[in-house]
Amino acid sequence: MAPRKSSAKTAWPKPLADRIRATEQAPNAAGHPVTAEELARLFARAKPAHLQEILDSLVTLGRSHPQWGEFQRVAPWFAAVT
């Protein structure tokens, strides 16, 4: 019998700051640009519209980069400093 794939979703945080942090970190964990719909499948009770609003805010703040409707995290400025 093949091993079962885990379908457990991550809890969607209640405080807004924690939601923003989770949304910002998720594309990094995925290893590729993601859409709000893809992120919503990772979190229990998360709505794509709410995730889209957070992703748009992260773009405005320069913390994420849109790419053909998908989003990827921008590396922190200090990551490039050696």
Protein backbone atom coordinates (compact mmCIF):
# COMPACT_ATOMS: atom_id res chain seq x y z
CA MET A 1 0.00 0.00 0.00
CA ALA A 2 1.34 3.46 -0.94
CA PRO A 3 1.90 5.99 1.84
CA ARG A 4 -0.92 8.49 2.25
CA LYS A 5 -0.24 12.04 1.34
CA SER A 6 -0.86 14.43 4.22
CA SER A 7 -3.86 16.66 3.56
CA ALA A 8 -3.62 18.57 6.82
CA LYS A 9 -3.87 22.29 6.31
CA THR A 10 -2.02 24.87 8.33
CA ALA A 11 -4.24 26.83 10.72
CA TRP A 12 -5.10 30.30 9.40
CA PRO A 13 -3.90 32.69 12.12
CA LYS A 14 -6.40 35.00 13.79
CA PRO A 15 -4.22 38.14 14.31
CA LEU A 16 -3.73 40.13 11.10
CA ALA A 17 0.03 40.46 11.65
CA ASP A 18 0.32 36.66 11.83
CA ARG A 19 -1.78 36.29 8.67
CA ILE A 20 0.50 38.70 6.83
CA ARG A 21 3.59 36.84 8.03
CA ALA A 22 2.14 33.46 7.01
CA THR A 23 1.15 34.80 3.59
CA GLU A 24 4.59 36.30 3.04
CA GLN A 25 6.39 33.10 4.00
CA ALA A 26 4.20 30.67 2.05
CA PRO A 27 5.67 31.35 -1.45
CA ASN A 28 9.14 30.72 -0.02
CA ALA A 29 8.01 27.39 1.41
CA ALA A 30 6.37 26.44 -1.91
CA GLY A 31 9.59 27.08 -3.79
CA HIS A 32 7.79 28.75 -6.69
CA PRO A 33 5.47 31.72 -7.33
CA VAL A 34 1.93 31.07 -6.08
CA THR A 35 -1.57 32.45 -6.56
CA ALA A 36 -4.02 33.43 -3.84
CA GLU A 37 -6.07 30.35 -4.71
CA GLU A 38 -3.05 28.07 -4.22
CA LEU A 39 -2.32 29.68 -0.87
CA ALA A 40 -5.95 29.28 0.22
CA ARG A 41 -5.59 25.50 -0.23
CA LEU A 42 -2.68 25.51 2.24
CA PHE A 43 -4.55 27.20 5.09
CA ALA A 44 -7.70 26.10 6.90
CA ARG A 45 -10.50 28.71 6.59
CA ALA A 46 -8.43 31.12 4.45
CA LYS A 47 -10.35 32.88 1.69
CA PRO A 48 -8.61 33.62 -1.65
CA ALA A 49 -9.96 37.20 -1.62
CA HIS A 50 -8.36 37.88 1.79
CA LEU A 51 -5.08 36.33 0.65
CA GLN A 52 -5.16 38.41 -2.54
CA GLU A 53 -5.57 41.58 -0.47
CA ILE A 54 -2.57 40.65 1.68
CA LEU A 55 -0.50 39.74 -1.41
CA ASP A 56 -1.37 43.09 -3.01
CA SER A 57 -0.31 44.86 0.20
CA LEU A 58 2.99 42.96 0.24
CA VAL A 59 3.62 44.09 -3.37
CA THR A 60 2.89 47.70 -2.42
CA LEU A 61 5.37 47.44 0.44
CA GLY A 62 8.00 45.85 -1.82
CA ARG A 63 7.89 42.54 0.10
CA SER A 64 6.51 40.47 -2.78
CA HIS A 65 6.74 40.54 -6.57
CA PRO A 66 3.83 39.83 -8.93
CA GLN A 67 4.60 37.62 -11.91
CA TRP A 68 1.74 36.81 -14.34
CA GLY A 69 -0.87 36.65 -11.58
CA GLU A 70 1.41 34.72 -9.24
CA PHE A 71 3.45 36.08 -6.37
CA GLN A 72 6.92 35.40 -5.09
CA ARG A 73 8.66 36.72 -2.02
CA VAL A 74 11.33 39.35 -2.51
CA ALA A 75 14.60 38.48 -0.79
CA PRO A 76 15.40 40.83 2.08
CA TRP A 77 17.92 43.53 1.18
CA PHE A 78 20.45 42.09 3.63
CA ALA A 79 20.41 38.69 1.89
CA ALA A 80 22.37 40.23 -1.00
CA VAL A 81 25.01 41.77 1.26
CA THR A 82 28.09 39.64 1.78
